[in-house]
Amino acid sequence: MESQYQVTLDSTNYFQWFSYIEDLLRSKGLYRIATGQEKKLKDEDKVAKWENRQDQARGLIGMSISPDLRFHIAKLDTPNEAMEQITKVFGIKNEIRAHQLENELLTLDPNNFS
């Protein structure tokens, strides 16, 4: 049964998108290939199938990104490269902001709330 739920990456929802794309790739049996855990096989009979699975994973990642942000991965052929680039562009910035907010919360005085 296909899920109708879909998350498209925009400039504000990296962590929600990442969780979605990870689950989508897992549900299609493509997660290990997308993360680089499954390496290219040496058996020539299986190389074409492995390359097709790479293409499927890269296609799903690309189609889950807002069209105006796809330029970030346009020249990348592998799903692993695409995921790393998206994390580099969107994930780190959000992590830094999360740490900033956490530090601000730690400086608040719990006795000073009205």
C-alpha atoms as a PDB file:
ATOM      1  CA  MET A   1       0.000   0.000   0.000  1.00  0.00           C
ATOM      2  CA  GLU A   2       1.524   3.294  -1.140  1.00  0.00           C
ATOM      3  CA  SER A   3       1.477   6.181   1.284  1.00  0.00           C
ATOM      4  CA  GLN A   4      -0.009   9.450   0.065  1.00  0.00           C
ATOM      5  CA  TYR A   5       2.120  11.370   2.555  1.00  0.00           C
ATOM      6  CA  GLN A   6       5.023  13.233   0.950  1.00  0.00           C
ATOM      7  CA  VAL A   7       7.516  15.793   2.182  1.00  0.00           C
ATOM      8  CA  THR A   8       9.272  18.052  -0.303  1.00  0.00           C
ATOM      9  CA  LEU A   9      12.499  19.614   0.897  1.00  0.00           C
ATOM     10  CA  ASP A  10      12.418  23.390   1.099  1.00  0.00           C
ATOM     11  CA  SER A  11      14.692  25.797   2.938  1.00  0.00           C
ATOM     12  CA  THR A  12      12.908  25.259   6.269  1.00  0.00           C
ATOM     13  CA  ASN A  13      12.184  21.545   6.720  1.00  0.00           C
ATOM     14  CA  TYR A  14      15.455  19.627   6.363  1.00  0.00           C
ATOM     15  CA  PHE A  15      14.998  17.396   9.425  1.00  0.00           C
ATOM     16  CA  GLN A  16      11.402  16.517   8.554  1.00  0.00           C
ATOM     17  CA  TRP A  17      12.460  15.832   4.952  1.00  0.00           C
ATOM     18  CA  PHE A  18      15.458  13.741   6.021  1.00  0.00           C
ATOM     19  CA  SER A  19      13.258  11.494   8.162  1.00  0.00           C
ATOM     20  CA  TYR A  20      10.790  11.154   5.286  1.00  0.00           C
ATOM     21  CA  ILE A  21      13.375  10.352   2.602  1.00  0.00           C
ATOM     22  CA  GLU A  22      15.133   7.881   4.874  1.00  0.00           C
ATOM     23  CA  ASP A  23      11.850   6.004   5.436  1.00  0.00           C
ATOM     24  CA  LEU A  24      10.955   6.184   1.745  1.00  0.00           C
ATOM     25  CA  LEU A  25      14.317   4.767   0.675  1.00  0.00           C
ATOM     26  CA  ARG A  26      14.049   2.005   3.305  1.00  0.00           C
ATOM     27  CA  SER A  27      10.546   1.089   2.132  1.00  0.00           C
ATOM     28  CA  LYS A  28      11.866   0.665  -1.417  1.00  0.00           C
ATOM     29  CA  GLY A  29      14.928  -1.335  -0.333  1.00  0.00           C
ATOM     30  CA  LEU A  30      17.249   1.468  -1.444  1.00  0.00           C
ATOM     31  CA  TYR A  31      18.483   2.930   1.838  1.00  0.00           C
ATOM     32  CA  ARG A  32      21.771   1.010   2.031  1.00  0.00           C
ATOM     33  CA  ILE A  33      22.630   1.845  -1.551  1.00  0.00           C
ATOM     34  CA  ALA A  34      21.721   5.522  -1.022  1.00  0.00           C
ATOM     35  CA  THR A  35      23.951   5.837   2.022  1.00  0.00           C
ATOM     36  CA  GLY A  36      26.917   4.126   0.388  1.00  0.00           C
ATOM     37  CA  GLN A  37      26.709   1.083   2.668  1.00  0.00           C
ATOM     38  CA  GLU A  38      26.050  -1.203  -0.280  1.00  0.00           C
ATOM     39  CA  LYS A  39      29.044  -1.053  -2.592  1.00  0.00           C
ATOM     40  CA  LYS A  40      29.165  -1.758  -6.312  1.00  0.00           C
ATOM     41  CA  LEU A  41      29.347  -5.461  -6.946  1.00  0.00           C
ATOM     42  CA  LYS A  42      32.212  -7.079  -8.805  1.00  0.00           C
ATOM     43  CA  ASP A  43      29.951  -9.654 -10.419  1.00  0.00           C
ATOM     44  CA  GLU A  44      29.338  -8.252 -13.926  1.00  0.00           C
ATOM     45  CA  ASP A  45      25.897  -9.872 -14.072  1.00  0.00           C
ATOM     46  CA  LYS A  46      24.761  -7.812 -11.082  1.00  0.00           C
ATOM     47  CA  VAL A  47      26.408  -4.475 -11.952  1.00  0.00           C
ATOM     48  CA  ALA A  48      23.526  -3.256 -14.147  1.00  0.00           C
ATOM     49  CA  LYS A  49      20.962  -4.039 -11.439  1.00  0.00           C
ATOM     50  CA  TRP A  50      23.095  -2.219  -8.826  1.00  0.00           C
ATOM     51  CA  GLU A  51      23.438   0.815 -11.134  1.00  0.00           C
ATOM     52  CA  ASN A  52      19.666   0.837 -11.741  1.00  0.00           C
ATOM     53  CA  ARG A  53      19.048   0.797  -7.979  1.00  0.00           C
ATOM     54  CA  GLN A  54      21.495   3.720  -7.644  1.00  0.00           C
ATOM     55  CA  ASP A  55      19.486   5.592 -10.281  1.00  0.00           C
ATOM     56  CA  GLN A  56      16.202   4.804  -8.523  1.00  0.00           C
ATOM     57  CA  ALA A  57      17.479   6.095  -5.188  1.00  0.00           C
ATOM     58  CA  ARG A  58      18.970   9.237  -6.774  1.00  0.00           C
ATOM     59  CA  GLY A  59      15.697   9.848  -8.622  1.00  0.00           C
ATOM     60  CA  LEU A  60      13.606   9.583  -5.457  1.00  0.00           C
ATOM     61  CA  ILE A  61      15.917  11.997  -3.659  1.00  0.00           C
ATOM     62  CA  GLY A  62      15.814  14.487  -6.524  1.00  0.00           C
ATOM     63  CA  MET A  63      12.038  14.336  -6.892  1.00  0.00           C
ATOM     64  CA  SER A  64      11.600  14.991  -3.161  1.00  0.00           C
ATOM     65  CA  ILE A  65      13.411  18.336  -3.368  1.00  0.00           C
ATOM     66  CA  SER A  66      11.699  21.590  -4.247  1.00  0.00           C
ATOM     67  CA  PRO A  67      12.473  22.426  -7.902  1.00  0.00           C
ATOM     68  CA  ASP A  68      14.115  25.718  -6.949  1.00  0.00           C
ATOM     69  CA  LEU A  69      16.613  23.848  -4.718  1.00  0.00           C
ATOM     70  CA  ARG A  70      17.506  20.991  -7.053  1.00  0.00           C
ATOM     71  CA  PHE A  71      20.485  22.896  -8.412  1.00  0.00           C
ATOM     72  CA  HIS A  72      22.330  21.850  -5.243  1.00  0.00           C
ATOM     73  CA  ILE A  73      22.476  18.262  -6.499  1.00  0.00           C
ATOM     74  CA  ALA A  74      22.045  18.715 -10.259  1.00  0.00           C
ATOM     75  CA  LYS A  75      25.571  17.585 -11.146  1.00  0.00           C
ATOM     76  CA  LEU A  76      25.716  14.714  -8.649  1.00  0.00           C
ATOM     77  CA  ASP A  77      25.131  11.220 -10.001  1.00  0.00           C
ATOM     78  CA  THR A  78      24.987   9.066  -6.890  1.00  0.00           C
ATOM     79  CA  PRO A  79      22.359   9.116  -4.161  1.00  0.00           C
ATOM     80  CA  ASN A  80      25.065   9.147  -1.499  1.00  0.00           C
ATOM     81  CA  GLU A  81      26.642  12.295  -2.978  1.00  0.00           C
ATOM     82  CA  ALA A  82      23.216  13.924  -3.179  1.00  0.00           C
ATOM     83  CA  MET A  83      22.356  13.116   0.450  1.00  0.00           C
ATOM     84  CA  GLU A  84      25.732  14.380   1.664  1.00  0.00           C
ATOM     85  CA  GLN A  85      25.355  17.633  -0.289  1.00  0.00           C
ATOM     86  CA  ILE A  86      21.838  18.281   1.008  1.00  0.00           C
ATOM     87  CA  THR A  87      23.019  17.642   4.571  1.00  0.00           C
ATOM     88  CA  LYS A  88      25.986  19.950   4.027  1.00  0.00           C
ATOM     89  CA  VAL A  89      23.765  22.746   2.728  1.00  0.00           C
ATOM     90  CA  PHE A  90      20.723  22.436   4.997  1.00  0.00           C
ATOM     91  CA  GLY A  91      21.534  20.190   7.946  1.00  0.00           C
ATOM     92  CA  ILE A  92      24.525  21.960   9.437  1.00  0.00           C
ATOM     93  CA  LYS A  93      22.944  25.383   9.450  1.00  0.00           C
ATOM     94  CA  ASN A  94      19.934  24.010  11.290  1.00  0.00           C
ATOM     95  CA  GLU A  95      22.138  22.124  13.758  1.00  0.00           C
ATOM     96  CA  ILE A  96      24.007  25.316  14.609  1.00  0.00           C
ATOM     97  CA  ARG A  97      20.714  27.130  15.105  1.00  0.00           C
ATOM     98  CA  ALA A  98      19.468  24.297  17.316  1.00  0.00           C
ATOM     99  CA  HIS A  99      22.576  24.627  19.495  1.00  0.00           C
ATOM    100  CA  GLN A 100      22.063  28.381  19.707  1.00  0.00           C
ATOM    101  CA  LEU A 101      18.479  27.881  20.851  1.00  0.00           C
ATOM    102  CA  GLU A 102      19.525  25.206  23.337  1.00  0.00           C
ATOM    103  CA  ASN A 103      22.105  27.583  24.827  1.00  0.00           C
ATOM    104  CA  GLU A 104      19.488  30.325  25.091  1.00  0.00           C
ATOM    105  CA  LEU A 105      17.148  27.937  26.902  1.00  0.00           C
ATOM    106  CA  LEU A 106      19.879  27.015  29.359  1.00  0.00           C
ATOM    107  CA  THR A 107      20.385  30.674  30.270  1.00  0.00           C
ATOM    108  CA  LEU A 108      16.708  31.205  31.109  1.00  0.00           C
ATOM    109  CA  ASP A 109      15.809  31.404  34.778  1.00  0.00           C
ATOM    110  CA  PRO A 110      13.007  28.865  35.452  1.00  0.00           C
ATOM    111  CA  ASN A 111      11.849  30.950  38.435  1.00  0.00           C
ATOM    112  CA  ASN A 112      11.285  34.005  36.277  1.00  0.00           C
ATOM    113  CA  PHE A 113       8.311  32.816  34.195  1.00  0.00           C
ATOM    114  CA  SER A 114       4.984  34.541  34.696  1.00  0.00           C
END
